Amino acid sequence: MKRNNETLNHALHNEQVCNYLELKPEFSDWVITTAFYTALQFVSYKIFPFEVQAIGGKKTKIESLNQFYSYQSSRKINKHQLLLDLVYKYCKTIGEDYEWLLNMSMNARYINYSHDREVALKSLSLVKKVKKTCIS
């Protein structure tokens, strides 16, 4: 199936922002956050579109996370958890890395914005791994 180049362009744009912020050590929280959102776009590019078996045996093409979220009959999990589940299903080799980026991003945004530079640098390293897996 054809991949969405807009999603790839969004990932590359986020990556540029992340690399720019990395030059400023005082913005480690934003490096972590932009690293996660860069990874989110790369994995979305890799995963979507895909087909699911619909009622009656007909296949439905799922183009995006938002469409898959709407397709789900039960919305007991949020979109981030839903995408994480898809990453473990479709991109197994980077599942733990993506989950780490998700957790650190949530921490940086909602719990503690102050992080060591090493955490930001690890985020950048993991994004490179995610990118390589998703666009190769």
Protein backbone atom coordinates (compact mmCIF):
# COMPACT_ATOMS: atom_id res chain seq x y z
CA MET A 1 0.00 0.00 0.00
CA LYS A 2 1.11 3.53 -0.69
CA ARG A 3 2.62 5.42 2.25
CA ASN A 4 1.60 8.96 3.13
CA ASN A 5 4.39 11.38 2.16
CA GLU A 6 2.76 14.16 4.19
CA THR A 7 3.34 12.06 7.32
CA LEU A 8 6.98 11.51 6.34
CA ASN A 9 7.43 15.25 5.70
CA HIS A 10 5.89 15.97 9.12
CA ALA A 11 8.37 13.54 10.71
CA LEU A 12 11.31 15.17 8.94
CA HIS A 13 10.11 18.64 9.97
CA ASN A 14 9.80 17.53 13.61
CA GLU A 15 13.27 16.02 13.39
CA GLN A 16 14.68 19.37 12.24
CA VAL A 17 13.05 21.12 15.20
CA CYS A 18 14.37 18.47 17.57
CA ASN A 19 17.91 18.83 16.21
CA TYR A 20 17.66 22.62 16.47
CA LEU A 21 16.51 22.44 20.10
CA GLU A 22 19.30 20.01 20.92
CA LEU A 23 21.76 22.86 20.40
CA LYS A 24 20.31 24.54 23.50
CA PRO A 25 21.03 22.37 26.58
CA GLU A 26 18.46 24.27 28.67
CA PHE A 27 15.66 22.88 26.49
CA SER A 28 16.17 19.18 27.20
CA ASP A 29 12.45 18.79 27.97
CA TRP A 30 11.55 20.06 24.50
CA VAL A 31 14.20 17.87 22.86
CA ILE A 32 12.56 14.86 24.55
CA THR A 33 9.08 16.00 23.55
CA THR A 34 9.94 16.74 19.93
CA ALA A 35 11.90 13.48 19.73
CA PHE A 36 8.77 11.59 20.72
CA TYR A 37 6.55 13.43 18.23
CA THR A 38 9.16 12.83 15.54
CA ALA A 39 9.06 9.11 16.34
CA LEU A 40 5.25 9.21 16.35
CA GLN A 41 5.24 10.51 12.78
CA PHE A 42 7.87 8.01 11.62
CA VAL A 43 5.98 5.03 13.04
CA SER A 44 2.71 6.38 11.62
CA TYR A 45 4.40 6.56 8.22
CA LYS A 46 5.56 2.95 8.58
CA ILE A 47 2.31 1.50 9.93
CA PHE A 48 -0.38 3.26 7.91
CA PRO A 49 -2.19 2.39 5.76
CA PHE A 50 -3.15 -1.17 6.65
CA GLU A 51 -6.25 -3.29 6.23
CA VAL A 52 -8.49 -4.75 8.90
CA GLN A 53 -11.14 -7.42 8.59
CA ALA A 54 -14.53 -5.75 8.92
CA ILE A 55 -17.87 -7.29 9.79
CA GLY A 56 -19.02 -9.65 7.06
CA GLY A 57 -15.49 -10.46 5.90
CA LYS A 58 -15.00 -7.23 3.97
CA LYS A 59 -11.65 -5.49 4.43
CA THR A 60 -11.40 -1.87 5.48
CA LYS A 61 -8.36 0.27 4.71
CA ILE A 62 -7.16 2.24 7.73
CA GLU A 63 -5.27 5.38 6.66
CA SER A 64 -4.40 7.02 9.99
CA LEU A 65 -4.38 6.75 13.75
CA ASN A 66 -7.47 8.95 13.96
CA GLN A 67 -9.33 6.66 11.57
CA PHE A 68 -8.23 3.56 13.51
CA TYR A 69 -9.30 5.18 16.78
CA SER A 70 -12.74 5.88 15.30
CA TYR A 71 -12.89 2.35 13.88
CA GLN A 72 -12.38 0.80 17.32
CA SER A 73 -15.66 -0.11 19.01
CA SER A 74 -14.17 0.45 22.46
CA ARG A 75 -12.32 3.65 23.26
CA LYS A 76 -11.06 2.62 26.67
CA ILE A 77 -7.48 3.41 25.70
CA ASN A 78 -6.15 6.71 24.43
CA LYS A 79 -4.60 7.29 21.02
CA HIS A 80 -1.05 7.12 22.36
CA GLN A 81 -1.66 3.68 23.86
CA LEU A 82 -3.43 2.55 20.70
CA LEU A 83 -0.46 3.59 18.56
CA LEU A 84 1.95 1.97 21.00
CA ASP A 85 0.05 -1.30 20.59
CA LEU A 86 0.35 -0.94 16.80
CA VAL A 87 4.07 -0.25 17.08
CA TYR A 88 4.54 -3.49 19.04
CA LYS A 89 2.50 -5.30 16.38
CA TYR A 90 4.03 -3.82 13.20
CA CYS A 91 7.45 -2.53 14.34
CA LYS A 92 8.50 -5.00 17.02
CA THR A 93 12.20 -4.15 16.93
CA ILE A 94 11.56 -0.57 18.06
CA GLY A 95 8.60 -1.14 20.38
CA GLU A 96 10.56 -0.66 23.60
CA ASP A 97 12.35 2.39 22.22
CA TYR A 98 9.09 4.00 21.15
CA GLU A 99 7.53 3.22 24.53
CA TRP A 100 10.52 4.82 26.31
CA LEU A 101 10.15 7.96 24.17
CA LEU A 102 6.41 8.08 24.91
CA ASN A 103 6.94 7.73 28.66
CA MET A 104 9.77 10.27 28.80
CA SER A 105 7.74 12.73 26.73
CA MET A 106 4.78 12.44 29.10
CA ASN A 107 7.14 12.89 32.02
CA ALA A 108 8.79 15.95 30.46
CA ARG A 109 5.47 17.54 29.54
CA TYR A 110 3.34 16.80 32.59
CA ILE A 111 5.48 15.76 35.55
CA ASN A 112 9.00 17.17 35.49
CA TYR A 113 10.22 19.45 32.73
CA SER A 114 13.78 19.43 34.09
CA HIS A 115 15.83 16.58 32.60
CA ASP A 116 19.51 15.88 32.24
CA ARG A 117 21.09 16.38 28.86
CA GLU A 118 21.85 12.65 28.74
CA VAL A 119 18.12 11.91 28.58
CA ALA A 120 17.74 14.33 25.69
CA LEU A 121 20.70 12.76 23.90
CA LYS A 122 19.25 9.27 24.42
CA SER A 123 15.98 10.54 22.93
CA LEU A 124 17.84 11.75 19.85
CA SER A 125 19.62 8.43 19.53
CA LEU A 126 16.36 6.49 19.74
CA VAL A 127 14.73 8.73 17.13
CA LYS A 128 17.55 7.90 14.72
CA LYS A 129 16.91 4.20 15.31
CA VAL A 130 13.15 4.64 14.82
CA LYS A 131 13.74 6.63 11.62
CA LYS A 132 16.08 4.02 10.20
CA THR A 133 13.57 1.25 10.92
CA CYS A 134 10.58 3.15 9.54
CA ILE A 135 11.92 4.59 6.30
CA SER A 136 14.27 1.85 5.15
